[in-house]
Amino acid sequence: MKRSTKTPEPQEFDDLVFEDQSVADALRAFAENRRHGHLLLHGALGTGKSTAARVIRQQRYPDKETADLFAPVIGCDMNEDINEQLALIERGWAIHRLTGADNPIAIIDEVDQLGRVQQNKLRSLMDKAVAHKLGYFIFTTNHVSNIDPALVHRCECFEVRLLTPSALKRRCHQLLRQEGIKMPDKQLVGLLDTTDGSWRETRRLLDRIIAANALPMAA
């Protein structure tokens, strides 16, 4: 049997990395079902917004297997059939409530790719969801300025910033140790400098390190 050549997908909130502790603390409250409302995560490419949205939703569900019954959707895929897509989200919330999720979550990635008419219809469902306690949205975007201000105003907004090597170092050491790999701080920080603060690029870097160190293991 061979070692893994990929870093594992984050499964728990503690697996996530944030540059700002205040953002981490606020999002942890959402993940632990202590705080509710529509969420908008915005920031540069590759900062882990979509991953954070998925982990927050998964951690809020008492039955983890039902958390991904309805996969996140991408804004551009909703433009042609927005009414059908929103109806599907409502049905998903209803099913999740039946499985014990008091505050079910729907994720829309790249919500800025929705047209203005579609954003208006989405805004109506957001209001309905709050009024009737149907569920909540988590939106992600790299371009918050392209979103209707009225929609943004209905969300709690958090910027997920690019990461410094010092913020990344601890988590990277943990992931490498899981694969039996030890690396001096100076060497790791030097490599992290090449990722430009992107968690996506950091994971690719770790994948390369793990693949280069993969050795056959006893069956």
C-alpha atoms as a PDB file:
ATOM      1  CA  MET A   1       0.000   0.000   0.000  1.00  0.00           C
ATOM      2  CA  LYS A   2       1.251   3.506  -0.787  1.00  0.00           C
ATOM      3  CA  ARG A   3       1.014   6.682   1.204  1.00  0.00           C
ATOM      4  CA  SER A   4      -1.507   9.314   0.216  1.00  0.00           C
ATOM      5  CA  THR A   5      -0.252  11.845  -2.327  1.00  0.00           C
ATOM      6  CA  LYS A   6      -2.944  14.416  -1.503  1.00  0.00           C
ATOM      7  CA  THR A   7      -3.644  16.576   1.509  1.00  0.00           C
ATOM      8  CA  PRO A   8      -6.983  15.609   3.095  1.00  0.00           C
ATOM      9  CA  GLU A   9     -10.026  17.800   2.561  1.00  0.00           C
ATOM     10  CA  PRO A  10     -10.906  19.832   5.672  1.00  0.00           C
ATOM     11  CA  GLN A  11     -13.702  18.159   7.614  1.00  0.00           C
ATOM     12  CA  GLU A  12     -13.887  20.145  10.851  1.00  0.00           C
ATOM     13  CA  PHE A  13     -13.702  23.847  11.572  1.00  0.00           C
ATOM     14  CA  ASP A  14     -10.300  23.418  13.229  1.00  0.00           C
ATOM     15  CA  ASP A  15      -8.977  22.198   9.869  1.00  0.00           C
ATOM     16  CA  LEU A  16      -9.526  25.672   8.376  1.00  0.00           C
ATOM     17  CA  VAL A  17      -6.969  28.490   8.350  1.00  0.00           C
ATOM     18  CA  PHE A  18      -7.846  32.189   8.599  1.00  0.00           C
ATOM     19  CA  GLU A  19      -5.636  35.244   8.608  1.00  0.00           C
ATOM     20  CA  ASP A  20      -7.978  37.169  10.936  1.00  0.00           C
ATOM     21  CA  GLN A  21      -8.818  35.666  14.323  1.00  0.00           C
ATOM     22  CA  SER A  22     -11.972  37.790  14.591  1.00  0.00           C
ATOM     23  CA  VAL A  23     -13.278  36.259  11.343  1.00  0.00           C
ATOM     24  CA  ALA A  24     -12.373  32.774  12.549  1.00  0.00           C
ATOM     25  CA  ASP A  25     -14.200  33.333  15.852  1.00  0.00           C
ATOM     26  CA  ALA A  26     -17.340  34.651  14.146  1.00  0.00           C
ATOM     27  CA  LEU A  27     -17.483  31.837  11.600  1.00  0.00           C
ATOM     28  CA  ARG A  28     -16.883  29.247  14.309  1.00  0.00           C
ATOM     29  CA  ALA A  29     -20.046  30.507  16.025  1.00  0.00           C
ATOM     30  CA  PHE A  30     -21.948  29.851  12.786  1.00  0.00           C
ATOM     31  CA  ALA A  31     -20.398  26.398  12.441  1.00  0.00           C
ATOM     32  CA  GLU A  32     -21.366  25.533  16.010  1.00  0.00           C
ATOM     33  CA  ASN A  33     -24.962  26.670  15.423  1.00  0.00           C
ATOM     34  CA  ARG A  34     -24.637  29.476  17.969  1.00  0.00           C
ATOM     35  CA  ARG A  35     -25.105  32.218  15.397  1.00  0.00           C
ATOM     36  CA  HIS A  36     -27.562  32.384  12.509  1.00  0.00           C
ATOM     37  CA  GLY A  37     -28.274  34.397   9.404  1.00  0.00           C
ATOM     38  CA  HIS A  38     -27.314  34.622   5.749  1.00  0.00           C
ATOM     39  CA  LEU A  39     -23.529  34.707   5.259  1.00  0.00           C
ATOM     40  CA  LEU A  40     -21.435  36.304   2.529  1.00  0.00           C
ATOM     41  CA  LEU A  41     -17.779  35.283   2.354  1.00  0.00           C
ATOM     42  CA  HIS A  42     -15.748  37.492   0.039  1.00  0.00           C
ATOM     43  CA  GLY A  43     -12.097  37.889  -0.778  1.00  0.00           C
ATOM     44  CA  ALA A  44      -9.352  37.109  -3.246  1.00  0.00           C
ATOM     45  CA  LEU A  45      -9.109  33.946  -5.316  1.00  0.00           C
ATOM     46  CA  GLY A  46      -7.937  30.828  -3.516  1.00  0.00           C
ATOM     47  CA  THR A  47      -8.463  31.936   0.081  1.00  0.00           C
ATOM     48  CA  GLY A  48     -10.667  28.953   0.980  1.00  0.00           C
ATOM     49  CA  LYS A  49     -14.092  30.623   0.977  1.00  0.00           C
ATOM     50  CA  SER A  50     -15.915  27.709  -0.647  1.00  0.00           C
ATOM     51  CA  THR A  51     -14.176  25.210   1.598  1.00  0.00           C
ATOM     52  CA  ALA A  52     -15.124  27.225   4.680  1.00  0.00           C
ATOM     53  CA  ALA A  53     -18.750  27.386   3.521  1.00  0.00           C
ATOM     54  CA  ARG A  54     -18.872  23.607   3.069  1.00  0.00           C
ATOM     55  CA  VAL A  55     -17.303  22.903   6.480  1.00  0.00           C
ATOM     56  CA  ILE A  56     -19.620  25.361   8.264  1.00  0.00           C
ATOM     57  CA  ARG A  57     -22.651  23.707   6.732  1.00  0.00           C
ATOM     58  CA  GLN A  58     -21.417  20.188   7.428  1.00  0.00           C
ATOM     59  CA  GLN A  59     -20.623  20.932  11.066  1.00  0.00           C
ATOM     60  CA  ARG A  60     -24.114  22.374  11.703  1.00  0.00           C
ATOM     61  CA  TYR A  61     -25.848  19.136  10.726  1.00  0.00           C
ATOM     62  CA  PRO A  62     -26.527  16.481  13.374  1.00  0.00           C
ATOM     63  CA  ASP A  63     -26.452  13.801  10.665  1.00  0.00           C
ATOM     64  CA  LYS A  64     -23.271  14.451   8.688  1.00  0.00           C
ATOM     65  CA  GLU A  65     -24.330  12.123   5.864  1.00  0.00           C
ATOM     66  CA  THR A  66     -27.244  14.388   4.973  1.00  0.00           C
ATOM     67  CA  ALA A  67     -25.176  17.581   4.843  1.00  0.00           C
ATOM     68  CA  ASP A  68     -24.208  17.060   1.201  1.00  0.00           C
ATOM     69  CA  LEU A  69     -27.542  15.760  -0.113  1.00  0.00           C
ATOM     70  CA  PHE A  70     -27.737  18.987  -2.091  1.00  0.00           C
ATOM     71  CA  ALA A  71     -24.397  20.107  -3.447  1.00  0.00           C
ATOM     72  CA  PRO A  72     -23.375  23.770  -3.575  1.00  0.00           C
ATOM     73  CA  VAL A  73     -24.393  25.501  -6.791  1.00  0.00           C
ATOM     74  CA  ILE A  74     -22.497  28.086  -8.820  1.00  0.00           C
ATOM     75  CA  GLY A  75     -24.155  31.386  -9.644  1.00  0.00           C
ATOM     76  CA  CYS A  76     -23.652  31.179 -13.400  1.00  0.00           C
ATOM     77  CA  ASP A  77     -25.450  27.806 -13.480  1.00  0.00           C
ATOM     78  CA  MET A  78     -28.611  29.365 -12.013  1.00  0.00           C
ATOM     79  CA  ASN A  79     -29.246  32.161 -14.507  1.00  0.00           C
ATOM     80  CA  GLU A  80     -31.323  30.239 -17.050  1.00  0.00           C
ATOM     81  CA  ASP A  81     -33.594  28.388 -14.622  1.00  0.00           C
ATOM     82  CA  ILE A  82     -33.496  30.508 -11.468  1.00  0.00           C
ATOM     83  CA  ASN A  83     -37.076  29.683 -10.435  1.00  0.00           C
ATOM     84  CA  GLU A  84     -36.418  25.947 -10.634  1.00  0.00           C
ATOM     85  CA  GLN A  85     -33.107  26.282  -8.786  1.00  0.00           C
ATOM     86  CA  LEU A  86     -34.650  28.287  -5.956  1.00  0.00           C
ATOM     87  CA  ALA A  87     -37.516  25.811  -5.668  1.00  0.00           C
ATOM     88  CA  LEU A  88     -34.933  23.023  -5.390  1.00  0.00           C
ATOM     89  CA  ILE A  89     -33.194  24.893  -2.586  1.00  0.00           C
ATOM     90  CA  GLU A  90     -36.493  25.228  -0.712  1.00  0.00           C
ATOM     91  CA  ARG A  91     -37.104  21.486  -1.083  1.00  0.00           C
ATOM     92  CA  GLY A  92     -33.600  20.807   0.139  1.00  0.00           C
ATOM     93  CA  TRP A  93     -34.161  22.895   3.246  1.00  0.00           C
ATOM     94  CA  ALA A  94     -37.402  21.004   3.949  1.00  0.00           C
ATOM     95  CA  ILE A  95     -35.669  17.631   3.635  1.00  0.00           C
ATOM     96  CA  HIS A  96     -32.813  18.730   5.864  1.00  0.00           C
ATOM     97  CA  ARG A  97     -35.241  19.954   8.538  1.00  0.00           C
ATOM     98  CA  LEU A  98     -36.861  16.508   8.499  1.00  0.00           C
ATOM     99  CA  THR A  99     -33.455  14.963   9.233  1.00  0.00           C
ATOM    100  CA  GLY A 100     -32.984  17.175  12.299  1.00  0.00           C
ATOM    101  CA  ALA A 101     -31.248  20.269  10.956  1.00  0.00           C
ATOM    102  CA  ASP A 102     -32.947  23.213  12.679  1.00  0.00           C
ATOM    103  CA  ASN A 103     -31.185  25.806  10.533  1.00  0.00           C
ATOM    104  CA  PRO A 104     -30.342  24.195   7.170  1.00  0.00           C
ATOM    105  CA  ILE A 105     -27.872  25.833   4.835  1.00  0.00           C
ATOM    106  CA  ALA A 106     -27.738  26.251   1.059  1.00  0.00           C
ATOM    107  CA  ILE A 107     -24.467  27.328  -0.555  1.00  0.00           C
ATOM    108  CA  ILE A 108     -24.193  29.438  -3.698  1.00  0.00           C
ATOM    109  CA  ASP A 109     -20.625  29.920  -4.886  1.00  0.00           C
ATOM    110  CA  GLU A 110     -19.721  32.883  -7.079  1.00  0.00           C
ATOM    111  CA  VAL A 111     -23.064  34.511  -6.377  1.00  0.00           C
ATOM    112  CA  ASP A 112     -21.855  37.632  -8.223  1.00  0.00           C
ATOM    113  CA  GLN A 113     -22.335  35.710 -11.484  1.00  0.00           C
ATOM    114  CA  LEU A 114     -26.105  35.884 -11.079  1.00  0.00           C
ATOM    115  CA  GLY A 115     -27.785  38.554 -13.216  1.00  0.00           C
ATOM    116  CA  ARG A 116     -29.681  41.413 -11.577  1.00  0.00           C
ATOM    117  CA  VAL A 117     -33.097  39.845 -12.183  1.00  0.00           C
ATOM    118  CA  GLN A 118     -31.885  36.572 -10.694  1.00  0.00           C
ATOM    119  CA  GLN A 119     -30.383  38.373  -7.710  1.00  0.00           C
ATOM    120  CA  ASN A 120     -33.733  40.065  -7.085  1.00  0.00           C
ATOM    121  CA  LYS A 121     -35.496  36.695  -7.055  1.00  0.00           C
ATOM    122  CA  LEU A 122     -32.847  35.295  -4.737  1.00  0.00           C
ATOM    123  CA  ARG A 123     -33.308  38.277  -2.428  1.00  0.00           C
ATOM    124  CA  SER A 124     -37.034  37.507  -2.215  1.00  0.00           C
ATOM    125  CA  LEU A 125     -36.298  33.931  -1.145  1.00  0.00           C
ATOM    126  CA  MET A 126     -33.815  35.200   1.441  1.00  0.00           C
ATOM    127  CA  ASP A 127     -36.552  37.317   3.009  1.00  0.00           C
ATOM    128  CA  LYS A 128     -39.045  34.454   2.881  1.00  0.00           C
ATOM    129  CA  ALA A 129     -36.531  32.070   4.438  1.00  0.00           C
ATOM    130  CA  VAL A 130     -35.953  34.359   7.412  1.00  0.00           C
ATOM    131  CA  ALA A 131     -39.642  35.153   7.903  1.00  0.00           C
ATOM    132  CA  HIS A 132     -40.683  31.490   7.880  1.00  0.00           C
ATOM    133  CA  LYS A 133     -37.496  29.984   9.354  1.00  0.00           C
ATOM    134  CA  LEU A 134     -36.878  27.864   6.257  1.00  0.00           C
ATOM    135  CA  GLY A 135     -33.083  28.027   6.227  1.00  0.00           C
ATOM    136  CA  TYR A 136     -30.122  30.238   5.413  1.00  0.00           C
ATOM    137  CA  PHE A 137     -27.683  30.892   2.599  1.00  0.00           C
ATOM    138  CA  ILE A 138     -23.917  31.010   2.523  1.00  0.00           C
ATOM    139  CA  PHE A 139     -22.665  32.938  -0.492  1.00  0.00           C
ATOM    140  CA  THR A 140     -19.095  33.191  -1.745  1.00  0.00           C
ATOM    141  CA  THR A 141     -17.665  35.731  -4.150  1.00  0.00           C
ATOM    142  CA  ASN A 142     -14.417  37.208  -5.392  1.00  0.00           C
ATOM    143  CA  HIS A 143     -16.230  40.356  -6.574  1.00  0.00           C
ATOM    144  CA  VAL A 144     -18.544  41.703  -3.890  1.00  0.00           C
ATOM    145  CA  SER A 145     -18.968  44.955  -5.838  1.00  0.00           C
ATOM    146  CA  ASN A 146     -20.891  43.021  -8.517  1.00  0.00           C
ATOM    147  CA  ILE A 147     -23.629  42.022  -6.075  1.00  0.00           C
ATOM    148  CA  ASP A 148     -26.810  44.027  -5.539  1.00  0.00           C
ATOM    149  CA  PRO A 149     -26.215  46.139  -2.387  1.00  0.00           C
ATOM    150  CA  ALA A 150     -29.687  45.189  -1.131  1.00  0.00           C
ATOM    151  CA  LEU A 151     -28.668  41.512  -1.214  1.00  0.00           C
ATOM    152  CA  VAL A 152     -25.363  42.238   0.508  1.00  0.00           C
ATOM    153  CA  HIS A 153     -27.204  44.222   3.196  1.00  0.00           C
ATOM    154  CA  ARG A 154     -29.209  41.096   4.100  1.00  0.00           C
ATOM    155  CA  CYS A 155     -26.024  39.159   4.907  1.00  0.00           C
ATOM    156  CA  GLU A 156     -23.374  39.125   7.550  1.00  0.00           C
ATOM    157  CA  CYS A 157     -20.270  39.786   5.465  1.00  0.00           C
ATOM    158  CA  PHE A 158     -16.765  38.557   6.198  1.00  0.00           C
ATOM    159  CA  GLU A 159     -13.631  39.091   4.166  1.00  0.00           C
ATOM    160  CA  VAL A 160     -11.493  35.967   3.945  1.00  0.00           C
ATOM    161  CA  ARG A 161      -8.053  37.436   3.399  1.00  0.00           C
ATOM    162  CA  LEU A 162      -4.930  36.015   1.804  1.00  0.00           C
ATOM    163  CA  LEU A 163      -2.794  34.157   4.312  1.00  0.00           C
ATOM    164  CA  THR A 164       0.664  35.022   5.578  1.00  0.00           C
ATOM    165  CA  PRO A 165       3.249  32.229   5.910  1.00  0.00           C
ATOM    166  CA  SER A 166       3.066  32.546   9.697  1.00  0.00           C
ATOM    167  CA  ALA A 167      -0.687  31.861   9.599  1.00  0.00           C
ATOM    168  CA  LEU A 168      -0.181  28.864   7.311  1.00  0.00           C
ATOM    169  CA  LYS A 169       2.864  27.345   8.985  1.00  0.00           C
ATOM    170  CA  ARG A 170       1.198  25.572  11.913  1.00  0.00           C
ATOM    171  CA  ARG A 171      -1.482  23.895   9.807  1.00  0.00           C
ATOM    172  CA  CYS A 172       1.025  22.864   7.138  1.00  0.00           C
ATOM    173  CA  HIS A 173       3.283  21.257   9.743  1.00  0.00           C
ATOM    174  CA  GLN A 174       0.280  19.318  11.057  1.00  0.00           C
ATOM    175  CA  LEU A 175      -0.645  18.039   7.602  1.00  0.00           C
ATOM    176  CA  LEU A 176       2.929  17.066   6.783  1.00  0.00           C
ATOM    177  CA  ARG A 177       3.395  15.276  10.127  1.00  0.00           C
ATOM    178  CA  GLN A 178       0.290  13.194   9.366  1.00  0.00           C
ATOM    179  CA  GLU A 179       2.226  11.896   6.361  1.00  0.00           C
ATOM    180  CA  GLY A 180       5.393  11.314   8.383  1.00  0.00           C
ATOM    181  CA  ILE A 181       7.169  14.318   6.878  1.00  0.00           C
ATOM    182  CA  LYS A 182       9.228  16.725   8.981  1.00  0.00           C
ATOM    183  CA  MET A 183      10.430  19.998   7.493  1.00  0.00           C
ATOM    184  CA  PRO A 184      12.430  22.812   9.146  1.00  0.00           C
ATOM    185  CA  ASP A 185      10.477  26.028   9.727  1.00  0.00           C
ATOM    186  CA  LYS A 186      12.808  28.085   7.562  1.00  0.00           C
ATOM    187  CA  GLN A 187      12.439  25.727   4.604  1.00  0.00           C
ATOM    188  CA  LEU A 188       8.652  25.538   4.935  1.00  0.00           C
ATOM    189  CA  VAL A 189       8.252  29.316   5.243  1.00  0.00           C
ATOM    190  CA  GLY A 190      10.443  29.782   2.179  1.00  0.00           C
ATOM    191  CA  LEU A 191       8.163  27.466   0.196  1.00  0.00           C
ATOM    192  CA  LEU A 192       5.029  29.155   1.536  1.00  0.00           C
ATOM    193  CA  ASP A 193       6.337  32.493   0.269  1.00  0.00           C
ATOM    194  CA  THR A 194       5.761  31.148  -3.248  1.00  0.00           C
ATOM    195  CA  THR A 195       2.016  30.620  -2.732  1.00  0.00           C
ATOM    196  CA  ASP A 196       1.140  34.330  -2.501  1.00  0.00           C
ATOM    197  CA  GLY A 197      -1.119  33.706   0.489  1.00  0.00           C
ATOM    198  CA  SER A 198      -3.493  31.414  -1.406  1.00  0.00           C
ATOM    199  CA  TRP A 199      -4.763  28.391   0.512  1.00  0.00           C
ATOM    200  CA  ARG A 200      -5.506  26.681  -2.813  1.00  0.00           C
ATOM    201  CA  GLU A 201      -1.899  27.134  -3.953  1.00  0.00           C
ATOM    202  CA  THR A 202      -0.657  26.050  -0.530  1.00  0.00           C
ATOM    203  CA  ARG A 203      -2.569  22.781  -0.815  1.00  0.00           C
ATOM    204  CA  ARG A 204      -1.067  22.215  -4.252  1.00  0.00           C
ATOM    205  CA  LEU A 205       2.362  22.828  -2.746  1.00  0.00           C
ATOM    206  CA  LEU A 206       1.673  20.313   0.036  1.00  0.00           C
ATOM    207  CA  ASP A 207       0.419  17.785  -2.517  1.00  0.00           C
ATOM    208  CA  ARG A 208       3.740  18.066  -4.363  1.00  0.00           C
ATOM    209  CA  ILE A 209       5.736  17.676  -1.145  1.00  0.00           C
ATOM    210  CA  ILE A 210       3.710  14.654  -0.067  1.00  0.00           C
ATOM    211  CA  ALA A 211       3.911  13.043  -3.510  1.00  0.00           C
ATOM    212  CA  ALA A 212       7.686  13.527  -3.598  1.00  0.00           C
ATOM    213  CA  ASN A 213       8.015  11.852  -0.196  1.00  0.00           C
ATOM    214  CA  ALA A 214       5.534   9.030  -0.821  1.00  0.00           C
ATOM    215  CA  LEU A 215       7.034   5.642  -0.040  1.00  0.00           C
ATOM    216  CA  PRO A 216       5.567   2.128  -0.160  1.00  0.00           C
ATOM    217  CA  MET A 217       4.051   1.072   3.162  1.00  0.00           C
ATOM    218  CA  ALA A 218       3.641  -2.409   4.552  1.00  0.00           C
ATOM    219  CA  ALA A 219       0.251  -3.969   3.735  1.00  0.00           C
END
